[in-house]
C-alpha atoms as a PDB file:
ATOM      1  CA  MET A   1      59.470 -59.056   4.784  1.00  0.00           C
ATOM      2  CA  SER A   2      55.790 -58.701   6.753  1.00  0.00           C
ATOM      3  CA  ARG A   3      53.178 -56.958   5.194  1.00  0.00           C
ATOM      4  CA  PHE A   4      50.839 -54.236   6.600  1.00  0.00           C
ATOM      5  CA  ASN A   5      48.258 -53.545   4.701  1.00  0.00           C
ATOM      6  CA  PHE A   6      45.945 -55.076   6.761  1.00  0.00           C
ATOM      7  CA  GLY A   7      43.905 -56.840   3.769  1.00  0.00           C
ATOM      8  CA  VAL A   8      42.771 -53.639   2.702  1.00  0.00           C
ATOM      9  CA  LEU A   9      44.975 -50.888   2.339  1.00  0.00           C
ATOM     10  CA  SER A  10      48.057 -50.901  -0.027  1.00  0.00           C
ATOM     11  CA  ALA A  11      51.422 -49.219   0.684  1.00  0.00           C
ATOM     12  CA  SER A  12      51.317 -46.477  -1.252  1.00  0.00           C
ATOM     13  CA  ALA A  13      47.618 -45.728  -0.150  1.00  0.00           C
ATOM     14  CA  CYS A  14      48.757 -45.158   3.322  1.00  0.00           C
ATOM     15  CA  ILE A  15      51.865 -42.713   2.283  1.00  0.00           C
ATOM     16  CA  TRP A  16      48.893 -40.591   0.348  1.00  0.00           C
ATOM     17  CA  ILE A  17      46.325 -40.469   2.537  1.00  0.00           C
ATOM     18  CA  ALA A  18      49.249 -39.824   5.215  1.00  0.00           C
ATOM     19  CA  SER A  19      50.287 -36.428   3.039  1.00  0.00           C
ATOM     20  CA  ILE A  20      46.884 -35.249   3.549  1.00  0.00           C
ATOM     21  CA  VAL A  21      45.804 -36.052   7.366  1.00  0.00           C
ATOM     22  CA  PRO A  22      47.105 -34.543  10.124  1.00  0.00           C
ATOM     23  CA  SER A  23      49.237 -35.973  12.719  1.00  0.00           C
ATOM     24  CA  TYR A  24      47.434 -38.447  14.637  1.00  0.00           C
ATOM     25  CA  ALA A  25      49.544 -37.506  17.746  1.00  0.00           C
ATOM     26  CA  ASP A  26      47.170 -34.354  18.041  1.00  0.00           C
ATOM     27  CA  ASP A  27      44.268 -36.310  18.116  1.00  0.00           C
ATOM     28  CA  GLY A  28      43.026 -37.540  21.202  1.00  0.00           C
ATOM     29  CA  SER A  29      40.602 -39.876  19.929  1.00  0.00           C
ATOM     30  CA  ILE A  30      43.272 -42.048  17.989  1.00  0.00           C
ATOM     31  CA  LYS A  31      45.454 -41.761  21.701  1.00  0.00           C
ATOM     32  CA  GLU A  32      43.247 -43.071  23.646  1.00  0.00           C
ATOM     33  CA  PHE A  33      42.157 -45.879  20.224  1.00  0.00           C
ATOM     34  CA  LEU A  34      45.941 -46.575  20.917  1.00  0.00           C
ATOM     35  CA  LEU A  35      45.861 -47.087  24.086  1.00  0.00           C
ATOM     36  CA  ASP A  36      42.795 -49.764  24.205  1.00  0.00           C
ATOM     37  CA  GLN A  37      44.713 -51.611  20.960  1.00  0.00           C
ATOM     38  CA  GLY A  38      47.539 -51.877  23.336  1.00  0.00           C
ATOM     39  CA  CYS A  39      49.474 -49.997  21.437  1.00  0.00           C
ATOM     40  CA  ALA A  40      49.678 -52.036  18.585  1.00  0.00           C
ATOM     41  CA  LEU A  41      48.451 -52.141  14.820  1.00  0.00           C
ATOM     42  CA  GLY A  42      47.512 -55.510  12.726  1.00  0.00           C
ATOM     43  CA  PRO A  43      44.963 -56.829  10.696  1.00  0.00           C
ATOM     44  CA  SER A  44      42.171 -56.195  13.075  1.00  0.00           C
ATOM     45  CA  THR A  45      42.812 -52.977  13.434  1.00  0.00           C
ATOM     46  CA  LEU A  46      40.764 -51.121  11.164  1.00  0.00           C
ATOM     47  CA  SER A  47      37.541 -52.651  12.259  1.00  0.00           C
ATOM     48  CA  ALA A  48      37.904 -51.965  15.563  1.00  0.00           C
ATOM     49  CA  ALA A  49      38.963 -48.465  14.378  1.00  0.00           C
ATOM     50  CA  ILE A  50      35.055 -48.821  12.675  1.00  0.00           C
ATOM     51  CA  ASN A  51      33.793 -49.484  15.964  1.00  0.00           C
ATOM     52  CA  ALA A  52      35.053 -46.614  17.496  1.00  0.00           C
ATOM     53  CA  LYS A  53      34.040 -44.507  15.011  1.00  0.00           C
ATOM     54  CA  ILE A  54      37.404 -43.053  14.176  1.00  0.00           C
ATOM     55  CA  ASP A  55      38.448 -42.535  10.462  1.00  0.00           C
ATOM     56  CA  PRO A  56      40.025 -45.268   8.519  1.00  0.00           C
ATOM     57  CA  ALA A  57      42.700 -42.375   7.221  1.00  0.00           C
ATOM     58  CA  LEU A  58      43.873 -41.398  10.994  1.00  0.00           C
ATOM     59  CA  ILE A  59      44.192 -45.044  10.911  1.00  0.00           C
ATOM     60  CA  ALA A  60      46.048 -45.264   7.706  1.00  0.00           C
ATOM     61  CA  LYS A  61      48.186 -42.675   8.064  1.00  0.00           C
ATOM     62  CA  LEU A  62      49.328 -44.174  11.717  1.00  0.00           C
ATOM     63  CA  THR A  63      50.139 -47.137  10.209  1.00  0.00           C
ATOM     64  CA  ALA A  64      52.027 -45.540   7.666  1.00  0.00           C
ATOM     65  CA  GLU A  65      53.909 -43.252  10.570  1.00  0.00           C
ATOM     66  CA  ALA A  66      54.437 -46.985  12.640  1.00  0.00           C
ATOM     67  CA  ASN A  67      56.086 -48.741   9.985  1.00  0.00           C
ATOM     68  CA  ALA A  68      58.678 -45.946   9.163  1.00  0.00           C
ATOM     69  CA  ASP A  69      59.679 -46.129  12.245  1.00  0.00           C
ATOM     70  CA  SER A  70      62.906 -47.229  13.532  1.00  0.00           C
ATOM     71  CA  GLY A  71      61.629 -48.230  17.167  1.00  0.00           C
ATOM     72  CA  THR A  72      58.846 -50.146  15.969  1.00  0.00           C
ATOM     73  CA  ILE A  73      58.270 -53.858  16.822  1.00  0.00           C
ATOM     74  CA  LYS A  74      57.809 -55.539  13.386  1.00  0.00           C
ATOM     75  CA  THR A  75      56.109 -59.186  14.342  1.00  0.00           C
ATOM     76  CA  GLY A  76      53.931 -61.118  11.610  1.00  0.00           C
ATOM     77  CA  ASP A  77      51.451 -59.420  10.703  1.00  0.00           C
ATOM     78  CA  TRP A  78      51.439 -57.053  12.810  1.00  0.00           C
ATOM     79  CA  MET A  79      53.449 -53.783  14.573  1.00  0.00           C
ATOM     80  CA  VAL A  80      53.712 -52.484  18.259  1.00  0.00           C
ATOM     81  CA  LEU A  81      54.497 -49.350  18.881  1.00  0.00           C
ATOM     82  CA  PRO A  82      57.500 -47.321  20.679  1.00  0.00           C
ATOM     83  CA  ARG A  83      57.095 -47.167  24.052  1.00  0.00           C
ATOM     84  CA  ASP A  84      58.213 -43.478  23.212  1.00  0.00           C
ATOM     85  CA  LYS A  85      55.259 -42.912  21.482  1.00  0.00           C
ATOM     86  CA  CYS A  86      52.386 -45.209  22.777  1.00  0.00           C
ATOM     87  CA  GLU A  87      53.041 -46.403  26.355  1.00  0.00           C
ATOM     88  CA  ILE A  88      51.094 -49.507  27.068  1.00  0.00           C
ATOM     89  CA  GLN A  89      48.564 -49.115  29.387  1.00  0.00           C
ATOM     90  CA  PRO A  90      45.822 -50.958  31.412  1.00  0.00           C
ATOM     91  CA  PRO A  91      43.514 -50.769  29.029  1.00  0.00           C
ATOM     92  CA  ARG A  92      39.653 -49.088  29.907  1.00  0.00           C
ATOM     93  CA  VAL A  93      36.889 -51.583  29.720  1.00  0.00           C
ATOM     94  CA  LYS A  94      33.578 -51.228  30.296  1.00  0.00           C
ATOM     95  CA  SER A  95      31.084 -54.290  31.514  1.00  0.00           C
ATOM     96  CA  ALA A  96      27.874 -54.702  32.045  1.00  0.00           C
ATOM     97  CA  ILE A  97      28.110 -56.633  34.775  1.00  0.00           C
ATOM     98  CA  ALA A  98      29.578 -54.834  38.060  1.00  0.00           C
ATOM     99  CA  VAL A  99      31.099 -56.489  41.149  1.00  0.00           C
ATOM    100  CA  ASP A 100      27.398 -55.459  43.706  1.00  0.00           C
ATOM    101  CA  ASP A 101      25.709 -57.105  41.115  1.00  0.00           C
ATOM    102  CA  PRO A 102      23.096 -59.785  42.577  1.00  0.00           C
ATOM    103  CA  GLU A 103      24.459 -62.209  40.412  1.00  0.00           C
ATOM    104  CA  VAL A 104      27.987 -61.678  41.385  1.00  0.00           C
ATOM    105  CA  SER A 105      27.259 -61.898  45.168  1.00  0.00           C
ATOM    106  CA  GLN A 106      25.077 -64.832  44.805  1.00  0.00           C
ATOM    107  CA  ASN A 107      27.977 -66.663  42.950  1.00  0.00           C
ATOM    108  CA  THR A 108      30.384 -65.451  45.594  1.00  0.00           C
ATOM    109  CA  SER A 109      32.186 -67.711  48.381  1.00  0.00           C
ATOM    110  CA  ALA A 110      32.116 -66.673  52.060  1.00  0.00           C
ATOM    111  CA  VAL A 111      35.238 -64.366  53.076  1.00  0.00           C
ATOM    112  CA  ASP A 112      36.006 -68.349  55.059  1.00  0.00           C
ATOM    113  CA  ALA A 113      34.885 -70.912  52.351  1.00  0.00           C
ATOM    114  CA  TYR A 114      38.568 -72.227  51.878  1.00  0.00           C
ATOM    115  CA  ILE A 115      40.131 -70.807  55.103  1.00  0.00           C
ATOM    116  CA  LYS A 116      41.179 -74.280  55.419  1.00  0.00           C
ATOM    117  CA  ASP A 117      43.067 -74.935  52.583  1.00  0.00           C
ATOM    118  CA  GLY A 118      44.639 -71.333  53.341  1.00  0.00           C
ATOM    119  CA  SER A 119      42.867 -69.051  51.199  1.00  0.00           C
ATOM    120  CA  PRO A 120      40.813 -67.307  52.846  1.00  0.00           C
ATOM    121  CA  GLY A 121      38.962 -64.403  50.686  1.00  0.00           C
ATOM    122  CA  CYS A 122      35.855 -64.360  48.800  1.00  0.00           C
ATOM    123  CA  TYR A 123      35.930 -66.581  45.895  1.00  0.00           C
ATOM    124  CA  LEU A 124      34.015 -65.949  42.805  1.00  0.00           C
ATOM    125  CA  ASP A 125      32.146 -68.834  40.646  1.00  0.00           C
ATOM    126  CA  GLY A 126      33.031 -67.747  37.132  1.00  0.00           C
ATOM    127  CA  PRO A 127      30.955 -71.328  36.103  1.00  0.00           C
ATOM    128  CA  SER A 128      27.804 -70.159  38.213  1.00  0.00           C
ATOM    129  CA  LEU A 129      27.962 -66.668  37.462  1.00  0.00           C
ATOM    130  CA  PHE A 130      28.255 -67.311  33.491  1.00  0.00           C
ATOM    131  CA  GLU A 131      25.228 -69.286  33.824  1.00  0.00           C
ATOM    132  CA  ALA A 132      23.585 -66.891  36.064  1.00  0.00           C
ATOM    133  CA  VAL A 133      24.082 -63.809  33.731  1.00  0.00           C
ATOM    134  CA  GLU A 134      22.881 -65.664  30.914  1.00  0.00           C
ATOM    135  CA  ILE A 135      19.310 -66.494  32.306  1.00  0.00           C
ATOM    136  CA  SER A 136      18.613 -63.521  34.381  1.00  0.00           C
ATOM    137  CA  ARG A 137      19.904 -61.340  31.690  1.00  0.00           C
ATOM    138  CA  GLY A 138      18.587 -63.687  28.669  1.00  0.00           C
ATOM    139  CA  TRP A 139      22.328 -63.093  26.781  1.00  0.00           C
ATOM    140  CA  ALA A 140      23.444 -65.738  24.038  1.00  0.00           C
ATOM    141  CA  PRO A 141      27.040 -67.370  25.707  1.00  0.00           C
ATOM    142  CA  ASP A 142      28.841 -65.411  23.384  1.00  0.00           C
ATOM    143  CA  LYS A 143      27.340 -62.159  24.912  1.00  0.00           C
ATOM    144  CA  ALA A 144      28.076 -63.981  28.605  1.00  0.00           C
ATOM    145  CA  ASN A 145      31.111 -65.092  27.864  1.00  0.00           C
ATOM    146  CA  GLN A 146      32.593 -60.979  26.485  1.00  0.00           C
ATOM    147  CA  GLU A 147      30.496 -59.568  29.391  1.00  0.00           C
ATOM    148  CA  TYR A 148      32.494 -61.804  31.796  1.00  0.00           C
ATOM    149  CA  LEU A 149      35.382 -61.172  30.976  1.00  0.00           C
ATOM    150  CA  ARG A 150      35.420 -57.501  30.284  1.00  0.00           C
ATOM    151  CA  PHE A 151      33.982 -57.822  34.311  1.00  0.00           C
ATOM    152  CA  LEU A 152      37.201 -59.794  35.226  1.00  0.00           C
ATOM    153  CA  SER A 153      39.327 -57.294  32.794  1.00  0.00           C
ATOM    154  CA  ALA A 154      37.394 -54.138  34.431  1.00  0.00           C
ATOM    155  CA  GLY A 155      37.879 -55.380  38.145  1.00  0.00           C
ATOM    156  CA  LEU A 156      41.371 -56.534  37.693  1.00  0.00           C
ATOM    157  CA  THR A 157      42.020 -53.331  36.233  1.00  0.00           C
ATOM    158  CA  SER A 158      40.783 -51.221  38.995  1.00  0.00           C
ATOM    159  CA  GLY A 159      41.824 -53.918  42.203  1.00  0.00           C
ATOM    160  CA  ASP A 160      38.367 -54.413  43.126  1.00  0.00           C
ATOM    161  CA  LEU A 161      38.977 -58.095  41.559  1.00  0.00           C
ATOM    162  CA  SER A 162      42.409 -60.490  42.033  1.00  0.00           C
ATOM    163  CA  PHE A 163      43.893 -63.687  41.391  1.00  0.00           C
ATOM    164  CA  PHE A 164      46.359 -64.015  44.314  1.00  0.00           C
ATOM    165  CA  SER A 165      48.092 -66.588  45.787  1.00  0.00           C
ATOM    166  CA  SER A 166      51.764 -66.116  46.845  1.00  0.00           C
ATOM    167  CA  ASP A 167      53.053 -69.300  45.944  1.00  0.00           C
ATOM    168  CA  PRO A 168      53.667 -69.968  42.145  1.00  0.00           C
ATOM    169  CA  LEU A 169      52.250 -73.697  43.404  1.00  0.00           C
ATOM    170  CA  ARG A 170      48.938 -73.329  45.163  1.00  0.00           C
ATOM    171  CA  THR A 171      46.668 -72.007  42.058  1.00  0.00           C
ATOM    172  CA  PRO A 172      43.900 -69.747  43.742  1.00  0.00           C
ATOM    173  CA  PRO A 173      40.586 -71.235  44.784  1.00  0.00           C
ATOM    174  CA  GLY A 174      39.535 -68.397  41.606  1.00  0.00           C
ATOM    175  CA  ILE A 175      39.235 -64.776  41.500  1.00  0.00           C
ATOM    176  CA  MET A 176      39.290 -62.665  44.408  1.00  0.00           C
ATOM    177  CA  ILE A 177      36.872 -59.725  44.814  1.00  0.00           C
ATOM    178  CA  THR A 178      39.159 -57.545  47.053  1.00  0.00           C
ATOM    179  CA  ARG A 179      36.516 -54.620  48.212  1.00  0.00           C
ATOM    180  CA  GLY A 180      33.868 -54.088  50.990  1.00  0.00           C
ATOM    181  CA  ASP A 181      34.094 -56.915  53.434  1.00  0.00           C
ATOM    182  CA  CYS A 182      35.705 -59.279  50.930  1.00  0.00           C
ATOM    183  CA  ALA A 183      39.141 -56.806  51.932  1.00  0.00           C
ATOM    184  CA  ASN A 184      39.801 -57.490  55.539  1.00  0.00           C
ATOM    185  CA  ILE A 185      42.112 -61.068  54.812  1.00  0.00           C
ATOM    186  CA  PRO A 186      45.078 -61.045  56.345  1.00  0.00           C
ATOM    187  CA  GLN A 187      46.798 -60.738  52.773  1.00  0.00           C
ATOM    188  CA  ILE A 188      45.530 -57.924  51.416  1.00  0.00           C
ATOM    189  CA  HIS A 189      47.953 -55.752  52.113  1.00  0.00           C
ATOM    190  CA  ASP A 190      50.320 -57.834  49.456  1.00  0.00           C
ATOM    191  CA  ILE A 191      47.394 -57.914  47.302  1.00  0.00           C
ATOM    192  CA  ARG A 192      46.878 -53.970  47.386  1.00  0.00           C
ATOM    193  CA  ARG A 193      51.143 -54.162  46.914  1.00  0.00           C
ATOM    194  CA  SER A 194      50.837 -56.559  44.314  1.00  0.00           C
ATOM    195  CA  HIS A 195      48.415 -54.386  42.287  1.00  0.00           C
ATOM    196  CA  GLU A 196      50.401 -51.041  42.131  1.00  0.00           C
ATOM    197  CA  LEU A 197      53.321 -52.477  40.946  1.00  0.00           C
ATOM    198  CA  LEU A 198      51.421 -54.161  37.710  1.00  0.00           C
ATOM    199  CA  VAL A 199      49.616 -50.901  36.814  1.00  0.00           C
ATOM    200  CA  LYS A 200      52.758 -49.127  37.455  1.00  0.00           C
ATOM    201  CA  HIS A 201      55.245 -51.050  35.275  1.00  0.00           C
ATOM    202  CA  PHE A 202      52.371 -52.599  32.774  1.00  0.00           C
ATOM    203  CA  ASP A 203      54.242 -52.093  30.073  1.00  0.00           C
ATOM    204  CA  ALA A 204      57.608 -53.404  30.720  1.00  0.00           C
ATOM    205  CA  LEU A 205      56.001 -56.391  32.014  1.00  0.00           C
ATOM    206  CA  ILE A 206      54.143 -57.410  28.064  1.00  0.00           C
ATOM    207  CA  ARG A 207      56.985 -55.918  26.478  1.00  0.00           C
ATOM    208  CA  SER A 208      59.752 -57.771  28.274  1.00  0.00           C
ATOM    209  CA  ASP A 209      57.196 -60.924  28.327  1.00  0.00           C
ATOM    210  CA  ALA A 210      57.073 -60.480  24.523  1.00  0.00           C
ATOM    211  CA  ALA A 211      60.895 -59.977  23.624  1.00  0.00           C
ATOM    212  CA  GLY A 212      61.551 -62.879  25.414  1.00  0.00           C
ATOM    213  CA  GLU A 213      59.613 -66.077  25.712  1.00  0.00           C
ATOM    214  CA  ALA A 214      55.952 -65.232  24.586  1.00  0.00           C
ATOM    215  CA  THR A 215      54.800 -66.802  21.480  1.00  0.00           C
ATOM    216  CA  CYS A 216      51.214 -65.990  19.953  1.00  0.00           C
ATOM    217  CA  ASP A 217      51.781 -69.714  18.028  1.00  0.00           C
ATOM    218  CA  SER A 218      51.641 -71.423  21.018  1.00  0.00           C
ATOM    219  CA  LEU A 219      49.320 -69.855  23.513  1.00  0.00           C
ATOM    220  CA  GLY A 220      52.940 -67.972  24.614  1.00  0.00           C
ATOM    221  CA  PHE A 221      51.247 -65.518  27.583  1.00  0.00           C
ATOM    222  CA  PRO A 222      52.338 -65.847  29.666  1.00  0.00           C
ATOM    223  CA  SER A 223      55.434 -67.374  29.324  1.00  0.00           C
ATOM    224  CA  TRP A 224      57.217 -69.614  31.062  1.00  0.00           C
ATOM    225  CA  ASN A 225      60.023 -66.933  32.300  1.00  0.00           C
ATOM    226  CA  PHE A 226      57.231 -64.719  33.144  1.00  0.00           C
ATOM    227  CA  THR A 227      58.413 -64.940  36.855  1.00  0.00           C
ATOM    228  CA  LYS A 228      61.792 -64.314  36.090  1.00  0.00           C
ATOM    229  CA  VAL A 229      60.853 -61.295  33.847  1.00  0.00           C
ATOM    230  CA  SER A 230      58.971 -59.736  36.165  1.00  0.00           C
ATOM    231  CA  GLU A 231      61.760 -59.739  39.008  1.00  0.00           C
ATOM    232  CA  GLY A 232      63.725 -57.843  36.864  1.00  0.00           C
ATOM    233  CA  ILE A 233      61.686 -55.232  35.736  1.00  0.00           C
ATOM    234  CA  LEU A 234      60.240 -55.206  39.544  1.00  0.00           C
ATOM    235  CA  GLY A 235      63.196 -55.302  41.367  1.00  0.00           C
ATOM    236  CA  GLU A 236      61.710 -57.836  43.473  1.00  0.00           C
ATOM    237  CA  LYS A 237      59.614 -61.527  44.120  1.00  0.00           C
ATOM    238  CA  ALA A 238      56.134 -59.913  42.776  1.00  0.00           C
ATOM    239  CA  PRO A 239      54.235 -60.325  46.198  1.00  0.00           C
ATOM    240  CA  ASN A 240      51.306 -62.354  43.650  1.00  0.00           C
ATOM    241  CA  ALA A 241      52.954 -65.142  41.886  1.00  0.00           C
ATOM    242  CA  TRP A 242      50.225 -65.454  39.450  1.00  0.00           C
ATOM    243  CA  MET A 243      50.381 -61.718  38.212  1.00  0.00           C
ATOM    244  CA  GLY A 244      51.470 -63.280  34.672  1.00  0.00           C
ATOM    245  CA  PHE A 245      47.906 -64.465  34.817  1.00  0.00           C
ATOM    246  CA  GLU A 246      45.845 -61.345  36.358  1.00  0.00           C
ATOM    247  CA  ILE A 247      47.789 -59.851  32.922  1.00  0.00           C
ATOM    248  CA  SER A 248      46.138 -62.565  30.556  1.00  0.00           C
ATOM    249  CA  PHE A 249      42.415 -62.575  32.209  1.00  0.00           C
ATOM    250  CA  ILE A 250      43.169 -57.946  31.626  1.00  0.00           C
ATOM    251  CA  ALA A 251      43.902 -58.789  27.956  1.00  0.00           C
ATOM    252  CA  MET A 252      41.409 -61.553  26.829  1.00  0.00           C
ATOM    253  CA  GLY A 253      38.494 -58.443  28.328  1.00  0.00           C
ATOM    254  CA  ALA A 254      40.202 -56.015  25.915  1.00  0.00           C
ATOM    255  CA  GLY A 255      40.027 -57.974  22.859  1.00  0.00           C
ATOM    256  CA  TRP A 256      44.338 -58.408  23.042  1.00  0.00           C
ATOM    257  CA  PHE A 257      42.856 -61.991  22.275  1.00  0.00           C
ATOM    258  CA  GLU A 258      41.905 -62.936  18.932  1.00  0.00           C
ATOM    259  CA  GLY A 259      38.939 -65.532  17.929  1.00  0.00           C
ATOM    260  CA  GLN A 260      37.659 -65.729  21.344  1.00  0.00           C
ATOM    261  CA  SER A 261      34.098 -67.705  21.776  1.00  0.00           C
ATOM    262  CA  ALA A 262      31.967 -69.341  24.783  1.00  0.00           C
ATOM    263  CA  THR A 263      33.859 -72.137  23.719  1.00  0.00           C
ATOM    264  CA  GLU A 264      37.407 -70.953  22.339  1.00  0.00           C
ATOM    265  CA  LYS A 265      39.846 -69.186  24.742  1.00  0.00           C
ATOM    266  CA  GLY A 266      41.068 -67.552  21.294  1.00  0.00           C
ATOM    267  CA  ARG A 267      44.530 -66.969  21.082  1.00  0.00           C
ATOM    268  CA  PRO A 268      47.072 -63.938  22.136  1.00  0.00           C
ATOM    269  CA  ARG A 269      48.434 -61.197  20.007  1.00  0.00           C
ATOM    270  CA  PRO A 270      50.771 -58.715  20.073  1.00  0.00           C
ATOM    271  CA  PRO A 271      51.819 -56.675  22.349  1.00  0.00           C
ATOM    272  CA  LEU A 272      51.676 -59.517  24.514  1.00  0.00           C
ATOM    273  CA  CYS A 273      53.692 -62.212  22.401  1.00  0.00           C
ATOM    274  CA  HIS A 274      55.879 -62.275  19.304  1.00  0.00           C
ATOM    275  CA  TYR A 275      55.865 -64.729  16.319  1.00  0.00           C
ATOM    276  CA  ASP A 276      58.120 -67.322  16.044  1.00  0.00           C
ATOM    277  CA  GLY A 277      60.182 -66.301  13.146  1.00  0.00           C
ATOM    278  CA  ARG A 278      58.674 -63.163  11.999  1.00  0.00           C
END
């Protein structure tokens, strides 16, 4: 049976603290913290709580309650709260990079740059943008990487950015800006529709893929079966064949991949996936 002390708290300590701490359900900061964590509790939760100025005692109580809930999904050293307790939503991510920043506009293609390839739109040059903010803001590589991922996450969540192609065999030229003059493209209706579906069904898309083929051990998110999973949830073929990768970018910026750095992609963790045999 998996251990859920997260390397710090024993089961007996969790039970003792749970008896003296008010229910987390009444604490708005805990609700927001859970949403930021993807409704998942694991080895990195306590440090994340401390960084968010959440009382560790509240996390201990939450851990004990989740462990006792029959609806909680337990995999590896992680727990994912059931949907009736916590609905996985697009995370609240803030970045020091904004769509209107000069470094972004200077490293974005003209709207017709890829039109001959059948991909009209304003596409980011990711590597060049990364280097630009390193220089202009004096950021170390890991800081630049973190803020770049947060920028993508926030933009994909808001709908200001998209990683779009209707064809699963045609990789998009890059992340697309979908506001202002850059939105004057033929595929914008499908882009907007796909974003609406992603936001509406965010919880179900993640939970269903994690319950199936998405494994944390093999970087399996989105899984090879995500397209079929999404069609079952949406009741239709997603306008964006790359919706799963949009969710992956959103998750990276939210910190749902562990071990990320300027040189390491990191590995997905629950709720995105499960651990084989555990």
